[in-house]
Amino acid sequence: MYIMSRSKLAREKVAAIQAGYSAYAETKEISQLIKHELNSLGIEVIEDTNELGSWFIPAERAN
């Protein structure tokens, strides 16, 4: 069985956002890690959250 680090997963999703792609987080923990990393990098996103998870959409691409 392959186990992936949650922080590594969050960093990979942030890298996708930096490249202009949207990213999906299935859990609140991953969402919080992504938000923390985005805030520290000064990257603005639009966050669409529902009971199943959160989408992070780069603000620059959304306009």
C-alpha atoms as a PDB file:
ATOM      1  CA  MET A   1       0.000   0.000   0.000  1.00  0.00           C
ATOM      2  CA  TYR A   2       1.265   3.459  -0.927  1.00  0.00           C
ATOM      3  CA  ILE A   3       0.903   6.198   1.700  1.00  0.00           C
ATOM      4  CA  MET A   4       1.247   9.819   0.636  1.00  0.00           C
ATOM      5  CA  SER A   5       2.132  12.653   2.961  1.00  0.00           C
ATOM      6  CA  ARG A   6      -0.697  15.167   3.333  1.00  0.00           C
ATOM      7  CA  SER A   7       1.738  18.077   3.331  1.00  0.00           C
ATOM      8  CA  LYS A   8       3.372  16.786   0.132  1.00  0.00           C
ATOM      9  CA  LEU A   9      -0.054  16.421  -1.470  1.00  0.00           C
ATOM     10  CA  ALA A  10      -0.925  20.003  -0.481  1.00  0.00           C
ATOM     11  CA  ARG A  11       2.380  21.303  -1.919  1.00  0.00           C
ATOM     12  CA  GLU A  12       1.685  19.505  -5.213  1.00  0.00           C
ATOM     13  CA  LYS A  13      -1.757  21.068  -5.390  1.00  0.00           C
ATOM     14  CA  VAL A  14      -0.284  24.523  -4.696  1.00  0.00           C
ATOM     15  CA  ALA A  15       2.226  23.940  -7.506  1.00  0.00           C
ATOM     16  CA  ALA A  16      -0.692  23.188  -9.847  1.00  0.00           C
ATOM     17  CA  ILE A  17      -2.393  26.413  -8.766  1.00  0.00           C
ATOM     18  CA  GLN A  18       0.824  28.351  -9.386  1.00  0.00           C
ATOM     19  CA  ALA A  19       0.874  26.877 -12.909  1.00  0.00           C
ATOM     20  CA  GLY A  20      -2.638  28.276 -13.505  1.00  0.00           C
ATOM     21  CA  TYR A  21      -4.641  25.102 -12.879  1.00  0.00           C
ATOM     22  CA  SER A  22      -7.454  24.535 -10.409  1.00  0.00           C
ATOM     23  CA  ALA A  23      -6.958  22.104  -7.528  1.00  0.00           C
ATOM     24  CA  TYR A  24      -9.411  20.011  -5.521  1.00  0.00           C
ATOM     25  CA  ALA A  25      -9.035  19.088  -1.847  1.00  0.00           C
ATOM     26  CA  GLU A  26     -11.108  16.225  -0.501  1.00  0.00           C
ATOM     27  CA  THR A  27     -10.587  16.932   3.205  1.00  0.00           C
ATOM     28  CA  LYS A  28     -10.631  19.952   5.503  1.00  0.00           C
ATOM     29  CA  GLU A  29      -7.081  19.157   6.592  1.00  0.00           C
ATOM     30  CA  ILE A  30      -5.734  19.320   3.025  1.00  0.00           C
ATOM     31  CA  SER A  31      -7.756  22.503   2.423  1.00  0.00           C
ATOM     32  CA  GLN A  32      -6.201  24.140   5.480  1.00  0.00           C
ATOM     33  CA  LEU A  33      -2.692  23.149   4.388  1.00  0.00           C
ATOM     34  CA  ILE A  34      -3.329  24.554   0.902  1.00  0.00           C
ATOM     35  CA  LYS A  35      -4.736  27.818   2.323  1.00  0.00           C
ATOM     36  CA  HIS A  36      -1.750  28.204   4.633  1.00  0.00           C
ATOM     37  CA  GLU A  37       0.731  27.669   1.793  1.00  0.00           C
ATOM     38  CA  LEU A  38      -1.158  30.009  -0.552  1.00  0.00           C
ATOM     39  CA  ASN A  39      -1.246  32.735   2.113  1.00  0.00           C
ATOM     40  CA  SER A  40       2.487  32.422   2.757  1.00  0.00           C
ATOM     41  CA  LEU A  41       3.150  32.745  -0.995  1.00  0.00           C
ATOM     42  CA  GLY A  42       0.695  35.625  -1.452  1.00  0.00           C
ATOM     43  CA  ILE A  43      -1.338  33.763  -4.082  1.00  0.00           C
ATOM     44  CA  GLU A  44      -4.988  34.772  -4.428  1.00  0.00           C
ATOM     45  CA  VAL A  45      -7.570  32.120  -5.247  1.00  0.00           C
ATOM     46  CA  ILE A  46     -11.311  31.716  -5.417  1.00  0.00           C
ATOM     47  CA  GLU A  47     -12.390  28.946  -3.069  1.00  0.00           C
ATOM     48  CA  ASP A  48     -15.564  26.999  -3.807  1.00  0.00           C
ATOM     49  CA  THR A  49     -16.413  24.783  -0.838  1.00  0.00           C
ATOM     50  CA  ASN A  50     -19.227  22.288  -0.346  1.00  0.00           C
ATOM     51  CA  GLU A  51     -19.831  19.204   1.801  1.00  0.00           C
ATOM     52  CA  LEU A  52     -17.659  17.036  -0.482  1.00  0.00           C
ATOM     53  CA  GLY A  53     -14.537  19.208  -0.588  1.00  0.00           C
ATOM     54  CA  SER A  54     -13.042  22.449  -1.881  1.00  0.00           C
ATOM     55  CA  TRP A  55     -11.978  23.734  -5.272  1.00  0.00           C
ATOM     56  CA  PHE A  56      -9.182  26.296  -5.415  1.00  0.00           C
ATOM     57  CA  ILE A  57      -9.283  28.369  -8.600  1.00  0.00           C
ATOM     58  CA  PRO A  58      -6.459  30.817  -9.369  1.00  0.00           C
ATOM     59  CA  ALA A  59      -7.886  34.367  -9.191  1.00  0.00           C
ATOM     60  CA  GLU A  60      -5.823  35.555 -12.168  1.00  0.00           C
ATOM     61  CA  ARG A  61      -7.177  32.828 -14.417  1.00  0.00           C
ATOM     62  CA  ALA A  62     -10.779  33.357 -13.275  1.00  0.00           C
ATOM     63  CA  ASN A  63     -10.941  36.916 -14.645  1.00  0.00           C
END
